[in-house]
Amino acid sequence: DTDAAITEIKKIIPRGGTSLHNAFALAAQMDPQPDNIFLIVDGLPTIGAEPPRKSTVTSKDRIELFTSALNLLPAQSPVNVILLPIEGDPVAAPSYWRLAQLTGGSFLAPSPDWP
């Protein structure tokens, strides 16, 4: 149920990098396919399907990780993006806006002073 899922999510402490590959691959395996995907992010991904071999990720690397992850998306699932404000990732907003547009989803970027 929803309450149990929220309780479990609150126990998760973020660590390591962010992988859209894993999320999109999981969504593609669902049967039936998701009728909507809600993606809450604070920037472009920092890892792919596998852990990175180097300790730093460049902006170019992040764009490539984002682009390659798109190939794993379920074909008919709209992606609705909530992009949380973070500095230093100027390509994130246009990339996620375009993803939402191409899939028929929505894009929301709250103001940095939003609670």
C-alpha atoms as a PDB file:
ATOM      1  CA  ASP A   1       0.000   0.000   0.000  1.00  0.00           C
ATOM      2  CA  THR A   2       1.012   3.629  -0.451  1.00  0.00           C
ATOM      3  CA  ASP A   3       1.620   4.362   3.234  1.00  0.00           C
ATOM      4  CA  ALA A   4       3.974   1.392   3.556  1.00  0.00           C
ATOM      5  CA  ALA A   5       5.870   2.465   0.431  1.00  0.00           C
ATOM      6  CA  ILE A   6       6.305   6.009   1.769  1.00  0.00           C
ATOM      7  CA  THR A   7       7.502   4.658   5.121  1.00  0.00           C
ATOM      8  CA  GLU A   8      10.124   2.516   3.396  1.00  0.00           C
ATOM      9  CA  ILE A   9      11.262   5.327   1.090  1.00  0.00           C
ATOM     10  CA  LYS A  10      11.859   7.574   4.103  1.00  0.00           C
ATOM     11  CA  LYS A  11      14.360   5.000   5.403  1.00  0.00           C
ATOM     12  CA  ILE A  12      16.575   5.304   2.324  1.00  0.00           C
ATOM     13  CA  ILE A  13      19.639   7.485   2.729  1.00  0.00           C
ATOM     14  CA  PRO A  14      21.043   8.713  -0.605  1.00  0.00           C
ATOM     15  CA  ARG A  15      24.630   7.677  -1.301  1.00  0.00           C
ATOM     16  CA  GLY A  16      26.825   7.123  -4.299  1.00  0.00           C
ATOM     17  CA  GLY A  17      25.717   8.310  -7.706  1.00  0.00           C
ATOM     18  CA  THR A  18      22.472   8.591  -9.592  1.00  0.00           C
ATOM     19  CA  SER A  19      21.587   6.156 -12.380  1.00  0.00           C
ATOM     20  CA  LEU A  20      18.716   6.678 -14.787  1.00  0.00           C
ATOM     21  CA  HIS A  21      19.771   3.464 -16.540  1.00  0.00           C
ATOM     22  CA  ASN A  22      18.615   1.350 -13.623  1.00  0.00           C
ATOM     23  CA  ALA A  23      15.332   3.224 -13.180  1.00  0.00           C
ATOM     24  CA  PHE A  24      14.416   3.180 -16.862  1.00  0.00           C
ATOM     25  CA  ALA A  25      15.426  -0.480 -17.301  1.00  0.00           C
ATOM     26  CA  LEU A  26      13.181  -1.433 -14.373  1.00  0.00           C
ATOM     27  CA  ALA A  27      10.271   0.559 -15.825  1.00  0.00           C
ATOM     28  CA  ALA A  28      10.749  -1.165 -19.199  1.00  0.00           C
ATOM     29  CA  GLN A  29      10.479  -4.596 -17.547  1.00  0.00           C
ATOM     30  CA  MET A  30       7.127  -3.828 -15.910  1.00  0.00           C
ATOM     31  CA  ASP A  31       4.085  -5.665 -17.168  1.00  0.00           C
ATOM     32  CA  PRO A  32       1.910  -3.848 -17.935  1.00  0.00           C
ATOM     33  CA  GLN A  33       4.071  -0.921 -18.984  1.00  0.00           C
ATOM     34  CA  PRO A  34       3.718   2.140 -16.742  1.00  0.00           C
ATOM     35  CA  ASP A  35       1.083   4.603 -17.901  1.00  0.00           C
ATOM     36  CA  ASN A  36       3.174   7.419 -16.341  1.00  0.00           C
ATOM     37  CA  ILE A  37       6.657   7.749 -14.901  1.00  0.00           C
ATOM     38  CA  PHE A  38       7.328  10.390 -12.255  1.00  0.00           C
ATOM     39  CA  LEU A  39      10.992  11.302 -12.080  1.00  0.00           C
ATOM     40  CA  ILE A  40      12.210  13.478  -9.202  1.00  0.00           C
ATOM     41  CA  VAL A  41      15.796  14.569  -9.823  1.00  0.00           C
ATOM     42  CA  ASP A  42      18.285  17.281  -8.926  1.00  0.00           C
ATOM     43  CA  GLY A  43      20.469  17.023 -12.020  1.00  0.00           C
ATOM     44  CA  LEU A  44      21.791  14.763 -14.724  1.00  0.00           C
ATOM     45  CA  PRO A  45      22.907  11.222 -13.797  1.00  0.00           C
ATOM     46  CA  THR A  46      26.392  10.532 -12.485  1.00  0.00           C
ATOM     47  CA  ILE A  47      26.580   6.786 -13.150  1.00  0.00           C
ATOM     48  CA  GLY A  48      25.279   4.373 -15.752  1.00  0.00           C
ATOM     49  CA  ALA A  49      24.105   0.795 -15.349  1.00  0.00           C
ATOM     50  CA  GLU A  50      27.420  -0.117 -13.738  1.00  0.00           C
ATOM     51  CA  PRO A  51      29.486   1.717 -11.104  1.00  0.00           C
ATOM     52  CA  PRO A  52      31.939   4.196 -12.613  1.00  0.00           C
ATOM     53  CA  ARG A  53      35.609   3.342 -13.089  1.00  0.00           C
ATOM     54  CA  LYS A  54      36.802   6.841 -12.251  1.00  0.00           C
ATOM     55  CA  SER A  55      36.074   9.076  -9.281  1.00  0.00           C
ATOM     56  CA  THR A  56      34.933  12.168 -11.190  1.00  0.00           C
ATOM     57  CA  VAL A  57      32.248  12.699 -13.789  1.00  0.00           C
ATOM     58  CA  THR A  58      32.421  15.558 -16.273  1.00  0.00           C
ATOM     59  CA  SER A  59      29.470  17.496 -17.643  1.00  0.00           C
ATOM     60  CA  LYS A  60      30.014  15.738 -20.982  1.00  0.00           C
ATOM     61  CA  ASP A  61      29.941  12.342 -19.207  1.00  0.00           C
ATOM     62  CA  ARG A  62      26.642  13.243 -17.520  1.00  0.00           C
ATOM     63  CA  ILE A  63      25.046  14.232 -20.824  1.00  0.00           C
ATOM     64  CA  GLU A  64      26.201  10.938 -22.375  1.00  0.00           C
ATOM     65  CA  LEU A  65      24.815   8.968 -19.400  1.00  0.00           C
ATOM     66  CA  PHE A  66      21.488  10.794 -19.734  1.00  0.00           C
ATOM     67  CA  THR A  67      21.296  10.229 -23.486  1.00  0.00           C
ATOM     68  CA  SER A  68      22.160   6.535 -23.298  1.00  0.00           C
ATOM     69  CA  ALA A  69      19.600   5.972 -20.520  1.00  0.00           C
ATOM     70  CA  LEU A  70      16.835   7.257 -22.800  1.00  0.00           C
ATOM     71  CA  ASN A  71      17.258   4.161 -24.972  1.00  0.00           C
ATOM     72  CA  LEU A  72      15.947   2.064 -22.074  1.00  0.00           C
ATOM     73  CA  LEU A  73      12.671   3.943 -21.586  1.00  0.00           C
ATOM     74  CA  PRO A  74       9.385   2.134 -22.189  1.00  0.00           C
ATOM     75  CA  ALA A  75       8.111   3.330 -25.568  1.00  0.00           C
ATOM     76  CA  GLN A  76       4.661   4.571 -24.565  1.00  0.00           C
ATOM     77  CA  SER A  77       5.277   5.887 -21.032  1.00  0.00           C
ATOM     78  CA  PRO A  78       5.077   9.652 -20.490  1.00  0.00           C
ATOM     79  CA  VAL A  79       7.864  10.905 -18.217  1.00  0.00           C
ATOM     80  CA  ASN A  80       6.830  13.626 -15.777  1.00  0.00           C
ATOM     81  CA  VAL A  81       9.879  15.385 -14.362  1.00  0.00           C
ATOM     82  CA  ILE A  82      10.263  17.362 -11.152  1.00  0.00           C
ATOM     83  CA  LEU A  83      13.695  18.968 -11.308  1.00  0.00           C
ATOM     84  CA  LEU A  84      14.746  20.187  -7.881  1.00  0.00           C
ATOM     85  CA  PRO A  85      16.948  23.271  -7.841  1.00  0.00           C
ATOM     86  CA  ILE A  86      20.707  22.728  -7.731  1.00  0.00           C
ATOM     87  CA  GLU A  87      23.552  24.873  -8.976  1.00  0.00           C
ATOM     88  CA  GLY A  88      26.205  23.772 -11.416  1.00  0.00           C
ATOM     89  CA  ASP A  89      24.188  21.621 -13.824  1.00  0.00           C
ATOM     90  CA  PRO A  90      23.035  24.072 -16.530  1.00  0.00           C
ATOM     91  CA  VAL A  91      22.206  21.370 -19.076  1.00  0.00           C
ATOM     92  CA  ALA A  92      19.835  19.508 -16.732  1.00  0.00           C
ATOM     93  CA  ALA A  93      16.789  21.772 -17.159  1.00  0.00           C
ATOM     94  CA  PRO A  94      16.714  21.755 -20.980  1.00  0.00           C
ATOM     95  CA  SER A  95      17.508  18.025 -21.076  1.00  0.00           C
ATOM     96  CA  TYR A  96      14.691  17.028 -18.735  1.00  0.00           C
ATOM     97  CA  TRP A  97      12.282  19.528 -20.307  1.00  0.00           C
ATOM     98  CA  ARG A  98      12.948  17.919 -23.687  1.00  0.00           C
ATOM     99  CA  LEU A  99      12.478  14.424 -22.211  1.00  0.00           C
ATOM    100  CA  ALA A 100       9.071  15.412 -20.826  1.00  0.00           C
ATOM    101  CA  GLN A 101       8.117  17.047 -24.119  1.00  0.00           C
ATOM    102  CA  LEU A 102       9.155  14.058 -26.263  1.00  0.00           C
ATOM    103  CA  THR A 103       7.327  11.512 -24.099  1.00  0.00           C
ATOM    104  CA  GLY A 104       4.149  13.546 -23.582  1.00  0.00           C
ATOM    105  CA  GLY A 105       4.912  14.174 -19.923  1.00  0.00           C
ATOM    106  CA  SER A 106       5.152  17.320 -17.832  1.00  0.00           C
ATOM    107  CA  PHE A 107       8.094  19.287 -16.491  1.00  0.00           C
ATOM    108  CA  LEU A 108       8.218  21.212 -13.224  1.00  0.00           C
ATOM    109  CA  ALA A 109      11.194  23.059 -11.762  1.00  0.00           C
ATOM    110  CA  PRO A 110      10.276  24.608  -8.384  1.00  0.00           C
ATOM    111  CA  SER A 111      11.839  27.896  -7.344  1.00  0.00           C
ATOM    112  CA  PRO A 112      14.974  27.559  -5.170  1.00  0.00           C
ATOM    113  CA  ASP A 113      13.128  29.254  -2.274  1.00  0.00           C
ATOM    114  CA  TRP A 114      10.236  26.800  -2.493  1.00  0.00           C
ATOM    115  CA  PRO A 115       9.743  24.965   0.802  1.00  0.00           C
END
